[in-house]
Amino acid sequence: MSSSLKDAAQRKGSFLQTMKAVGWSFFGVRKSAEYEKDVSRLNPVHVVIAGVIGAALFIIVLVLLVNWVLASGVAR
């Protein structure tokens, strides 16, 4: 591992801050200044984990929504 990657992995951003940043990025509404702040403080490992969790939650919500619509009989 290179020293810059080690330094990035040692950043002190909390996992909650990371989830918030990833959540906003799913909607694409981050300001440039906020993005730069996130890049400098968030741990890249946390970002990957938060992205996987966010994607999984998105898929689960979509599946539940489709099942609810189909069960309600609206889609006939």
C-alpha atoms as a PDB file:
ATOM      1  CA  MET A   1       0.000   0.000   0.000  1.00  0.00           C
ATOM      2  CA  SER A   2       1.360   3.412  -0.893  1.00  0.00           C
ATOM      3  CA  SER A   3       1.737   6.075   1.774  1.00  0.00           C
ATOM      4  CA  SER A   4      -1.003   8.287   0.309  1.00  0.00           C
ATOM      5  CA  LEU A   5      -3.443   5.359   0.407  1.00  0.00           C
ATOM      6  CA  LYS A   6      -2.446   4.614   3.995  1.00  0.00           C
ATOM      7  CA  ASP A   7      -2.959   8.272   4.873  1.00  0.00           C
ATOM      8  CA  ALA A   8      -6.404   8.250   3.253  1.00  0.00           C
ATOM      9  CA  ALA A   9      -7.404   5.117   5.188  1.00  0.00           C
ATOM     10  CA  GLN A  10      -6.411   6.833   8.463  1.00  0.00           C
ATOM     11  CA  ARG A  11      -8.785   9.793   8.025  1.00  0.00           C
ATOM     12  CA  LYS A  12     -11.012  10.460  11.005  1.00  0.00           C
ATOM     13  CA  GLY A  13     -14.376  11.057   9.301  1.00  0.00           C
ATOM     14  CA  SER A  14     -17.120   9.131  11.081  1.00  0.00           C
ATOM     15  CA  PHE A  15     -19.148   6.433   9.384  1.00  0.00           C
ATOM     16  CA  LEU A  16     -22.313   8.502   9.934  1.00  0.00           C
ATOM     17  CA  GLN A  17     -20.738  11.441   8.078  1.00  0.00           C
ATOM     18  CA  THR A  18     -19.815   9.033   5.296  1.00  0.00           C
ATOM     19  CA  MET A  19     -23.365   7.630   5.075  1.00  0.00           C
ATOM     20  CA  LYS A  20     -24.720  11.172   4.884  1.00  0.00           C
ATOM     21  CA  ALA A  21     -22.299  12.117   2.093  1.00  0.00           C
ATOM     22  CA  VAL A  22     -23.050   8.939   0.137  1.00  0.00           C
ATOM     23  CA  GLY A  23     -26.784   9.482   0.606  1.00  0.00           C
ATOM     24  CA  TRP A  24     -26.545  12.994  -0.826  1.00  0.00           C
ATOM     25  CA  SER A  25     -24.412  11.727  -3.687  1.00  0.00           C
ATOM     26  CA  PHE A  26     -27.114   9.191  -4.617  1.00  0.00           C
ATOM     27  CA  PHE A  27     -29.358  12.198  -5.279  1.00  0.00           C
ATOM     28  CA  GLY A  28     -26.563  14.185  -6.952  1.00  0.00           C
ATOM     29  CA  VAL A  29     -27.126  17.349  -4.950  1.00  0.00           C
ATOM     30  CA  ARG A  30     -23.724  17.981  -3.356  1.00  0.00           C
ATOM     31  CA  LYS A  31     -22.181  21.427  -3.626  1.00  0.00           C
ATOM     32  CA  SER A  32     -18.631  21.585  -4.915  1.00  0.00           C
ATOM     33  CA  ALA A  33     -17.315  22.981  -1.632  1.00  0.00           C
ATOM     34  CA  GLU A  34     -19.017  20.210   0.358  1.00  0.00           C
ATOM     35  CA  TYR A  35     -17.613  17.599  -2.029  1.00  0.00           C
ATOM     36  CA  GLU A  36     -14.087  18.934  -1.544  1.00  0.00           C
ATOM     37  CA  LYS A  37     -14.549  18.864   2.236  1.00  0.00           C
ATOM     38  CA  ASP A  38     -15.788  15.269   2.069  1.00  0.00           C
ATOM     39  CA  VAL A  39     -12.869  14.179  -0.114  1.00  0.00           C
ATOM     40  CA  SER A  40     -10.390  15.558   2.390  1.00  0.00           C
ATOM     41  CA  ARG A  41     -11.919  14.069   5.549  1.00  0.00           C
ATOM     42  CA  LEU A  42     -13.756  10.838   4.711  1.00  0.00           C
ATOM     43  CA  ASN A  43     -12.148   7.422   4.892  1.00  0.00           C
ATOM     44  CA  PRO A  44     -12.298   5.744   1.460  1.00  0.00           C
ATOM     45  CA  VAL A  45     -12.965   2.346   3.043  1.00  0.00           C
ATOM     46  CA  HIS A  46     -16.034   3.813   4.756  1.00  0.00           C
ATOM     47  CA  VAL A  47     -17.158   5.321   1.433  1.00  0.00           C
ATOM     48  CA  VAL A  48     -17.050   1.925  -0.298  1.00  0.00           C
ATOM     49  CA  ILE A  49     -18.927   0.222   2.542  1.00  0.00           C
ATOM     50  CA  ALA A  50     -21.512   3.021   2.700  1.00  0.00           C
ATOM     51  CA  GLY A  51     -21.996   2.828  -1.077  1.00  0.00           C
ATOM     52  CA  VAL A  52     -22.641  -0.914  -0.952  1.00  0.00           C
ATOM     53  CA  ILE A  53     -25.094  -0.466   1.952  1.00  0.00           C
ATOM     54  CA  GLY A  54     -26.832   2.392   0.128  1.00  0.00           C
ATOM     55  CA  ALA A  55     -27.152   0.370  -3.085  1.00  0.00           C
ATOM     56  CA  ALA A  56     -28.505  -2.643  -1.179  1.00  0.00           C
ATOM     57  CA  LEU A  57     -31.089  -0.484   0.610  1.00  0.00           C
ATOM     58  CA  PHE A  58     -32.118   1.074  -2.710  1.00  0.00           C
ATOM     59  CA  ILE A  59     -32.657  -2.366  -4.266  1.00  0.00           C
ATOM     60  CA  ILE A  60     -34.606  -3.605  -1.233  1.00  0.00           C
ATOM     61  CA  VAL A  61     -36.887  -0.545  -1.341  1.00  0.00           C
ATOM     62  CA  LEU A  62     -37.504  -1.049  -5.061  1.00  0.00           C
ATOM     63  CA  VAL A  63     -38.350  -4.737  -4.609  1.00  0.00           C
ATOM     64  CA  LEU A  64     -40.720  -3.935  -1.730  1.00  0.00           C
ATOM     65  CA  LEU A  65     -42.382  -1.183  -3.765  1.00  0.00           C
ATOM     66  CA  VAL A  66     -42.904  -3.477  -6.776  1.00  0.00           C
ATOM     67  CA  ASN A  67     -44.304  -6.233  -4.560  1.00  0.00           C
ATOM     68  CA  TRP A  68     -46.682  -3.771  -2.893  1.00  0.00           C
ATOM     69  CA  VAL A  69     -47.915  -2.432  -6.245  1.00  0.00           C
ATOM     70  CA  LEU A  70     -48.440  -5.936  -7.623  1.00  0.00           C
ATOM     71  CA  ALA A  71     -50.233  -7.097  -4.468  1.00  0.00           C
ATOM     72  CA  SER A  72     -52.556  -4.077  -4.472  1.00  0.00           C
ATOM     73  CA  GLY A  73     -53.923  -5.012  -7.891  1.00  0.00           C
ATOM     74  CA  VAL A  74     -53.167  -1.609  -9.411  1.00  0.00           C
ATOM     75  CA  ALA A  75     -50.842  -3.134 -12.010  1.00  0.00           C
ATOM     76  CA  ARG A  76     -53.479  -5.344 -13.662  1.00  0.00           C
END
